[in-house]
């Protein structure tokens, strides 16, 4: 059964999605999230470049630890740095 009440979930055989409780809310949240991820990426990339440039013994290996969104961003930083 489909429901069109704002703030509720709709379901079909193909997918399930939530209907935003206010018009435009989903798009606004997505733009905010994307902007926050861009700021976080720039910060992480800058910090990693600084680490690589200023670490005392560049011949020693190092380990990178990250979690959740940080791990997604770190993979992107590494891929773009090696490209």
N, C-alpha and C. Protein backbone atom coordinates (compact mmCIF):
# COMPACT_ATOMS: atom_id res chain seq x y z
N UNK A 1 0.84 -1.18 0.00
CA UNK A 1 0.00 0.00 0.00
C UNK A 1 0.89 1.25 0.00
N UNK A 2 0.56 2.22 -0.80
CA UNK A 2 1.34 3.45 -0.87
C UNK A 2 0.73 4.49 0.05
N UNK A 3 1.60 5.28 0.64
CA UNK A 3 1.16 6.36 1.51
C UNK A 3 1.77 7.65 1.00
N UNK A 4 1.02 8.73 0.99
CA UNK A 4 1.56 10.01 0.54
C UNK A 4 1.59 11.02 1.67
N UNK A 5 1.46 10.57 2.89
CA UNK A 5 1.50 11.46 4.03
C UNK A 5 2.93 11.91 4.27
N UNK A 6 3.20 13.23 4.33
CA UNK A 6 4.55 13.71 4.57
C UNK A 6 5.14 13.11 5.85
N UNK A 7 6.45 12.82 5.78
CA UNK A 7 7.14 12.26 6.94
C UNK A 7 7.00 10.76 7.06
N UNK A 8 6.31 10.12 6.14
CA UNK A 8 6.14 8.67 6.18
C UNK A 8 6.93 8.03 5.05
N UNK A 9 7.07 6.73 5.13
CA UNK A 9 7.79 6.00 4.10
C UNK A 9 6.81 5.41 3.11
N UNK A 10 7.21 5.41 1.84
CA UNK A 10 6.42 4.74 0.83
C UNK A 10 7.18 3.50 0.41
N UNK A 11 6.46 2.53 -0.06
CA UNK A 11 7.12 1.29 -0.44
C UNK A 11 6.48 0.74 -1.70
N UNK A 12 7.30 0.34 -2.62
CA UNK A 12 6.87 -0.38 -3.80
C UNK A 12 7.78 -1.60 -3.91
N UNK A 13 7.52 -2.45 -4.86
CA UNK A 13 8.39 -3.60 -5.03
C UNK A 13 9.79 -3.17 -5.44
N UNK A 14 9.92 -2.03 -6.10
CA UNK A 14 11.21 -1.59 -6.61
C UNK A 14 12.07 -0.89 -5.55
N UNK A 15 11.46 -0.11 -4.68
CA UNK A 15 12.26 0.66 -3.73
C UNK A 15 11.41 1.18 -2.58
N UNK A 16 12.10 1.69 -1.57
CA UNK A 16 11.47 2.35 -0.44
C UNK A 16 12.14 3.71 -0.29
N UNK A 17 11.39 4.74 -0.08
CA UNK A 17 11.98 6.06 0.16
C UNK A 17 11.10 6.84 1.12
N UNK A 18 11.72 7.84 1.76
CA UNK A 18 10.97 8.65 2.70
C UNK A 18 10.52 9.94 2.02
N UNK A 19 9.29 10.31 2.25
CA UNK A 19 8.75 11.56 1.72
C UNK A 19 9.15 12.68 2.69
N UNK A 20 9.84 13.72 2.20
CA UNK A 20 10.22 14.82 3.10
C UNK A 20 9.00 15.43 3.76
N UNK A 21 9.14 15.84 5.02
CA UNK A 21 8.00 16.42 5.73
C UNK A 21 7.72 17.85 5.30
N UNK A 22 8.70 18.54 4.68
CA UNK A 22 8.50 19.89 4.18
C UNK A 22 9.01 19.93 2.74
N UNK A 23 8.34 20.66 1.87
CA UNK A 23 8.81 20.76 0.49
C UNK A 23 10.23 21.32 0.42
N UNK A 24 11.08 20.70 -0.38
CA UNK A 24 12.43 21.19 -0.56
C UNK A 24 13.42 20.76 0.50
N UNK A 25 12.96 20.12 1.56
CA UNK A 25 13.84 19.74 2.66
C UNK A 25 14.94 18.80 2.21
N UNK A 26 14.61 17.80 1.40
CA UNK A 26 15.61 16.82 0.96
C UNK A 26 16.72 17.46 0.16
N UNK A 27 16.38 18.34 -0.76
CA UNK A 27 17.39 19.00 -1.59
C UNK A 27 18.26 19.92 -0.76
N UNK A 28 17.67 20.63 0.18
CA UNK A 28 18.44 21.54 1.04
C UNK A 28 19.41 20.75 1.91
N UNK A 29 18.96 19.62 2.45
CA UNK A 29 19.84 18.79 3.28
C UNK A 29 20.98 18.22 2.45
N UNK A 30 20.68 17.83 1.22
CA UNK A 30 21.71 17.28 0.35
C UNK A 30 22.76 18.34 0.03
N UNK A 31 22.34 19.55 -0.26
CA UNK A 31 23.29 20.64 -0.55
C UNK A 31 24.17 20.92 0.67
N UNK A 32 23.57 20.92 1.86
CA UNK A 32 24.34 21.14 3.09
C UNK A 32 25.36 20.03 3.31
N UNK A 33 24.93 18.80 3.09
CA UNK A 33 25.81 17.65 3.26
C UNK A 33 26.97 17.72 2.27
N UNK A 34 26.67 18.02 1.00
CA UNK A 34 27.72 18.10 -0.02
C UNK A 34 28.72 19.21 0.31
N UNK A 35 28.23 20.35 0.79
CA UNK A 35 29.12 21.45 1.16
C UNK A 35 30.00 21.05 2.34
N UNK A 36 29.43 20.37 3.32
CA UNK A 36 30.20 19.93 4.48
C UNK A 36 31.27 18.91 4.07
N UNK A 37 30.93 18.01 3.15
CA UNK A 37 31.90 17.01 2.68
C UNK A 37 33.03 17.68 1.91
N UNK A 38 32.74 18.73 1.15
CA UNK A 38 33.79 19.44 0.42
C UNK A 38 34.75 20.12 1.39
N UNK A 39 34.22 20.73 2.44
CA UNK A 39 35.07 21.36 3.45
C UNK A 39 35.93 20.30 4.16
N UNK A 40 35.31 19.19 4.53
CA UNK A 40 36.04 18.12 5.20
C UNK A 40 37.12 17.54 4.29
N UNK A 41 36.81 17.36 3.00
CA UNK A 41 37.79 16.83 2.05
C UNK A 41 38.98 17.77 1.93
N UNK A 42 38.72 19.06 1.77
CA UNK A 42 39.80 20.04 1.64
C UNK A 42 40.68 20.04 2.88
N UNK A 43 40.07 19.97 4.04
CA UNK A 43 40.82 19.94 5.31
C UNK A 43 41.68 18.68 5.40
N UNK A 44 41.09 17.54 5.09
CA UNK A 44 41.81 16.27 5.16
C UNK A 44 42.95 16.22 4.15
N UNK A 45 42.70 16.66 2.92
CA UNK A 45 43.73 16.66 1.89
C UNK A 45 44.89 17.56 2.29
N UNK A 46 44.58 18.73 2.82
CA UNK A 46 45.63 19.65 3.27
C UNK A 46 46.46 19.07 4.40
N UNK A 47 45.79 18.46 5.35
CA UNK A 47 46.50 17.85 6.48
C UNK A 47 47.39 16.70 6.03
N UNK A 48 46.89 15.89 5.10
CA UNK A 48 47.68 14.76 4.61
C UNK A 48 48.90 15.23 3.83
N UNK A 49 48.72 16.25 2.97
CA UNK A 49 49.87 16.81 2.25
C UNK A 49 50.90 17.35 3.22
N UNK A 50 50.46 18.04 4.26
CA UNK A 50 51.36 18.58 5.29
C UNK A 50 52.11 17.44 5.97
N UNK A 51 51.39 16.38 6.34
CA UNK A 51 52.03 15.23 6.98
C UNK A 51 53.11 14.63 6.08
N UNK A 52 52.78 14.42 4.80
CA UNK A 52 53.75 13.83 3.88
C UNK A 52 54.97 14.72 3.70
N UNK A 53 54.78 16.01 3.67
CA UNK A 53 55.87 16.96 3.47
C UNK A 53 56.76 17.08 4.71
N UNK A 54 56.17 17.04 5.90
CA UNK A 54 56.92 17.37 7.11
C UNK A 54 57.29 16.20 8.00
N UNK A 55 56.93 14.99 7.64
CA UNK A 55 57.31 13.88 8.52
C UNK A 55 58.82 13.70 8.50
N UNK A 56 59.41 13.42 9.66
CA UNK A 56 60.88 13.41 9.78
C UNK A 56 61.58 12.34 8.93
N UNK A 57 61.11 11.11 8.95
CA UNK A 57 61.79 10.03 8.24
C UNK A 57 60.89 9.54 7.11
N UNK A 58 61.08 10.09 5.94
CA UNK A 58 60.22 9.77 4.80
C UNK A 58 60.42 8.35 4.28
N UNK A 59 61.45 7.66 4.74
CA UNK A 59 61.67 6.28 4.28
C UNK A 59 60.85 5.27 5.09
N UNK A 60 60.32 5.70 6.23
CA UNK A 60 59.54 4.79 7.08
C UNK A 60 58.10 4.70 6.60
N UNK A 61 57.55 3.50 6.60
CA UNK A 61 56.14 3.36 6.23
C UNK A 61 55.23 3.94 7.32
N UNK A 62 53.99 4.17 6.99
CA UNK A 62 53.02 4.66 7.96
C UNK A 62 51.68 3.99 7.71
N UNK A 63 50.82 4.05 8.70
CA UNK A 63 49.49 3.46 8.63
C UNK A 63 48.46 4.57 8.66
N UNK A 64 47.46 4.44 7.83
CA UNK A 64 46.36 5.42 7.81
C UNK A 64 45.14 4.75 8.41
N UNK A 65 44.57 5.38 9.41
CA UNK A 65 43.34 4.89 10.04
C UNK A 65 42.24 5.91 9.81
N UNK A 66 41.08 5.44 9.42
CA UNK A 66 39.94 6.33 9.21
C UNK A 66 38.67 5.54 9.48
N UNK A 67 37.58 6.26 9.69
CA UNK A 67 36.31 5.61 10.01
C UNK A 67 35.17 6.35 9.32
N UNK A 68 34.18 5.62 8.86
CA UNK A 68 32.93 6.16 8.32
C UNK A 68 33.19 7.13 7.16
N UNK A 69 32.63 8.33 7.22
CA UNK A 69 32.83 9.28 6.13
C UNK A 69 34.29 9.63 5.96
N UNK A 70 35.05 9.62 7.06
CA UNK A 70 36.48 9.91 6.98
C UNK A 70 37.22 8.91 6.13
N UNK A 71 36.80 7.65 6.18
CA UNK A 71 37.47 6.64 5.37
C UNK A 71 37.14 6.83 3.89
N UNK A 72 35.92 7.22 3.59
CA UNK A 72 35.54 7.49 2.20
C UNK A 72 36.37 8.66 1.66
N UNK A 73 36.48 9.71 2.45
CA UNK A 73 37.26 10.87 2.02
C UNK A 73 38.75 10.54 1.91
N UNK A 74 39.27 9.74 2.84
CA UNK A 74 40.70 9.42 2.80
C UNK A 74 41.04 8.60 1.58
N UNK A 75 40.18 7.68 1.19
CA UNK A 75 40.41 6.90 -0.03
C UNK A 75 40.47 7.85 -1.23
N UNK A 76 39.58 8.82 -1.27
CA UNK A 76 39.56 9.80 -2.37
C UNK A 76 40.86 10.63 -2.36
N UNK A 77 41.31 11.06 -1.20
CA UNK A 77 42.56 11.83 -1.09
C UNK A 77 43.73 11.01 -1.61
N UNK A 78 43.80 9.75 -1.21
CA UNK A 78 44.91 8.91 -1.65
C UNK A 78 44.85 8.66 -3.15
N UNK A 79 43.68 8.32 -3.66
CA UNK A 79 43.54 8.07 -5.11
C UNK A 79 43.93 9.30 -5.92
N UNK A 80 43.46 10.46 -5.51
CA UNK A 80 43.77 11.67 -6.26
C UNK A 80 45.22 12.08 -6.10
N UNK A 81 45.82 11.75 -4.97
CA UNK A 81 47.23 12.06 -4.75
C UNK A 81 48.16 11.16 -5.55
N UNK A 82 47.71 9.96 -5.85
CA UNK A 82 48.53 9.02 -6.60
C UNK A 82 48.30 9.13 -8.11
N UNK A 83 47.26 9.83 -8.49
CA UNK A 83 46.93 9.93 -9.92
C UNK A 83 47.84 10.91 -10.63
